[in-house]
Amino acid sequence: MSLVRRERDTFAGTHDAITSEGNPQKPTEERRKMRREKALLEERQKKMQHVLNRAKVGEERTRKRLAKERAEAASKLHEKVRREKRELQACAKLQAFYRGHLGRKAARRWAVKRAELEAMNALMTASAITIERVFRGYMGRIAASVARMEMAEFISMIRLEEA
């Protein structure tokens, strides 16, 4: 037998005097102690495995909860950003509407003012034309009167010379 097989058998207790296979001899105190320690070790390992399994379940639950919280936080942040963007767009649209309103209001005022200026200009032009017409008529009547006087003097001079 090889050395390895012999050690394995020794540690396994196959060729001991207290094996359970053939000899119903009473185990020694050392063997009982070893079996008790082995049983306690197995029990500790079972408990440890049970605790580790429960810890894995708890860790998985915690991991899922944290992932869910992260997803909710990301969703809330995304919604907040989207809402702020919509608010900014709405503000820009309101400002554009108000600026348009102010522009149209100023254009109406300017249109009224321009209409007043055009009416005043037309009135002034009409007044100037009327004044010029009256003045030219007056000057024409004076010139006609002077021409009649000169003609009357010319005729009276001719009559005096003929007579």
Protein backbone atom coordinates (compact mmCIF):
# COMPACT_ATOMS: atom_id res chain seq x y z
CA MET A 1 0.00 0.00 0.00
CA SER A 2 1.19 3.38 -0.74
CA LEU A 3 1.86 5.91 1.89
CA VAL A 4 -0.94 8.21 0.74
CA ARG A 5 -3.55 5.44 0.91
CA ARG A 6 -2.38 4.39 4.34
CA GLU A 7 -2.62 7.97 5.65
CA ARG A 8 -6.05 8.35 4.15
CA ASP A 9 -7.25 5.21 5.82
CA THR A 10 -5.69 6.26 9.11
CA PHE A 11 -7.35 9.65 9.05
CA ALA A 12 -10.65 8.16 7.93
CA GLY A 13 -10.50 5.63 10.76
CA THR A 14 -11.14 2.56 8.54
CA HIS A 15 -8.60 0.28 10.22
CA ASP A 16 -9.17 1.50 13.74
CA ALA A 17 -10.27 -0.79 16.51
CA ILE A 18 -13.42 1.27 16.94
CA THR A 19 -14.80 1.26 13.46
CA SER A 20 -18.50 0.93 13.00
CA GLU A 21 -18.12 -1.61 10.23
CA GLY A 22 -17.13 -4.76 12.02
CA ASN A 23 -16.19 -4.30 15.61
CA PRO A 24 -18.93 -3.30 17.94
CA GLN A 25 -16.34 -2.16 20.42
CA LYS A 26 -16.94 0.93 22.42
CA PRO A 27 -15.20 3.99 20.95
CA THR A 28 -12.52 5.62 22.96
CA GLU A 29 -12.91 8.99 24.59
CA GLU A 30 -10.65 10.54 21.97
CA ARG A 31 -12.81 9.17 19.15
CA ARG A 32 -16.01 10.42 20.79
CA LYS A 33 -14.45 13.83 21.26
CA MET A 34 -13.40 13.88 17.60
CA ARG A 35 -16.88 12.85 16.44
CA ARG A 36 -18.49 15.48 18.70
CA GLU A 37 -16.14 18.12 17.32
CA LYS A 38 -16.88 16.95 13.80
CA ALA A 39 -20.64 17.10 14.48
CA LEU A 40 -20.26 20.55 16.03
CA LEU A 41 -18.17 21.67 13.07
CA GLU A 42 -20.80 20.41 10.65
CA GLU A 43 -23.52 22.14 12.67
CA ARG A 44 -21.51 25.38 12.71
CA GLN A 45 -20.97 25.08 8.97
CA LYS A 46 -24.70 24.50 8.41
CA LYS A 47 -25.53 27.49 10.58
CA MET A 48 -22.88 29.53 8.81
CA GLN A 49 -24.26 28.47 5.43
CA HIS A 50 -27.79 29.32 6.60
CA VAL A 51 -26.62 32.74 7.84
CA LEU A 52 -24.72 33.35 4.61
CA ASN A 53 -27.78 32.40 2.56
CA ARG A 54 -29.92 34.76 4.61
CA ALA A 55 -27.26 37.46 4.23
CA LYS A 56 -27.24 36.90 0.46
CA VAL A 57 -31.02 37.29 0.42
CA GLY A 58 -30.73 40.47 2.47
CA GLU A 59 -27.94 41.80 0.30
CA GLU A 60 -29.95 41.03 -2.83
CA ARG A 61 -32.99 42.75 -1.33
CA THR A 62 -30.82 45.76 -0.40
CA ARG A 63 -29.25 45.80 -3.87
CA LYS A 64 -32.67 45.73 -5.52
CA ARG A 65 -33.97 48.47 -3.19
CA LEU A 66 -30.95 50.66 -3.91
CA ALA A 67 -31.31 50.07 -7.65
CA LYS A 68 -34.99 50.97 -7.42
CA GLU A 69 -34.18 54.11 -5.40
CA ARG A 70 -31.50 55.09 -7.93
CA ALA A 71 -33.94 54.54 -10.79
CA GLU A 72 -36.60 56.61 -8.99
CA ALA A 73 -34.08 59.38 -8.28
CA ALA A 74 -32.96 59.36 -11.91
CA SER A 75 -36.59 59.43 -13.02
CA LYS A 76 -37.35 62.35 -10.68
CA LEU A 77 -34.29 64.21 -11.89
CA HIS A 78 -35.23 63.56 -15.50
CA GLU A 79 -38.78 64.79 -14.84
CA LYS A 80 -37.44 67.87 -13.06
CA VAL A 81 -35.13 68.69 -15.96
CA ARG A 82 -37.98 68.14 -18.44
CA ARG A 83 -40.31 70.38 -16.38
CA GLU A 84 -37.67 73.13 -16.12
CA LYS A 85 -37.08 72.92 -19.87
CA ARG A 86 -40.83 73.22 -20.54
CA GLU A 87 -41.00 76.19 -18.13
CA LEU A 88 -38.14 77.91 -19.93
CA GLN A 89 -39.81 77.33 -23.28
CA ALA A 90 -43.11 78.64 -21.91
CA CYS A 91 -41.32 81.72 -20.51
CA ALA A 92 -39.68 82.38 -23.86
CA LYS A 93 -43.04 82.04 -25.64
CA LEU A 94 -44.76 84.38 -23.15
CA GLN A 95 -41.97 86.92 -23.55
CA ALA A 96 -42.24 86.69 -27.33
CA PHE A 97 -46.01 87.20 -27.17
CA TYR A 98 -45.63 90.18 -24.86
CA ARG A 99 -42.88 91.74 -27.00
CA GLY A 100 -45.12 91.25 -30.05
CA HIS A 101 -47.99 92.91 -28.18
CA LEU A 102 -45.77 95.87 -27.27
CA GLY A 103 -44.54 96.12 -30.87
CA ARG A 104 -48.06 96.09 -32.28
CA LYS A 105 -49.15 98.65 -29.69
CA ALA A 106 -46.23 100.95 -30.63
CA ALA A 107 -46.98 100.40 -34.33
CA ARG A 108 -50.62 101.43 -33.78
CA ARG A 109 -49.49 104.54 -31.91
CA TRP A 110 -47.00 105.34 -34.66
CA ALA A 111 -49.66 104.73 -37.33
CA VAL A 112 -52.02 107.18 -35.59
CA LYS A 113 -49.20 109.70 -35.22
CA ARG A 114 -48.19 109.24 -38.87
CA ALA A 115 -51.83 109.68 -39.96
CA GLU A 116 -52.00 112.88 -37.92
CA LEU A 117 -48.75 114.12 -39.49
CA GLU A 118 -49.97 113.24 -42.99
CA ALA A 119 -53.30 115.00 -42.33
CA MET A 120 -51.45 118.04 -41.00
CA ASN A 121 -49.17 118.01 -44.05
CA ALA A 122 -52.18 117.76 -46.40
CA LEU A 123 -53.87 120.63 -44.55
CA MET A 124 -50.73 122.74 -44.73
CA THR A 125 -50.34 121.99 -48.43
CA ALA A 126 -53.98 122.84 -49.10
CA SER A 127 -53.65 126.02 -47.03
CA ALA A 128 -50.48 127.03 -48.86
CA ILE A 129 -52.15 126.40 -52.23
CA THR A 130 -55.18 128.45 -51.17
CA ILE A 131 -52.98 131.31 -49.90
CA GLU A 132 -50.94 131.26 -53.11
CA ARG A 133 -54.11 131.21 -55.22
CA VAL A 134 -55.64 134.12 -53.29
CA PHE A 135 -52.39 136.09 -53.46
CA ARG A 136 -51.95 135.47 -57.19
CA GLY A 137 -55.58 136.52 -57.75
CA TYR A 138 -54.97 139.69 -55.74
CA MET A 139 -51.74 140.43 -57.62
CA GLY A 140 -53.52 139.71 -60.92
CA ARG A 141 -56.34 142.10 -60.02
CA ILE A 142 -53.80 144.80 -59.06
CA ALA A 143 -51.89 144.21 -62.30
CA ALA A 144 -55.19 144.33 -64.25
CA SER A 145 -56.17 147.53 -62.46
CA VAL A 146 -52.80 149.11 -63.23
CA ALA A 147 -53.07 147.94 -66.84
CA ARG A 148 -56.60 149.43 -67.08
CA MET A 149 -55.36 152.70 -65.61
CA GLU A 150 -52.46 152.82 -68.07
CA MET A 151 -54.83 151.96 -70.89
CA ALA A 152 -57.28 154.63 -69.79
CA GLU A 153 -54.42 157.19 -69.65
CA PHE A 154 -53.14 156.02 -73.03
CA ILE A 155 -56.59 156.33 -74.54
CA SER A 156 -57.13 159.73 -72.93
CA MET A 157 -53.76 160.88 -74.30
CA ILE A 158 -54.60 159.71 -77.75
CA ARG A 159 -57.93 161.50 -77.57
CA LEU A 160 -56.21 164.64 -76.46
CA GLU A 161 -53.80 164.40 -79.30
CA GLU A 162 -56.57 163.81 -81.80
CA ALA A 163 -58.62 166.62 -80.55
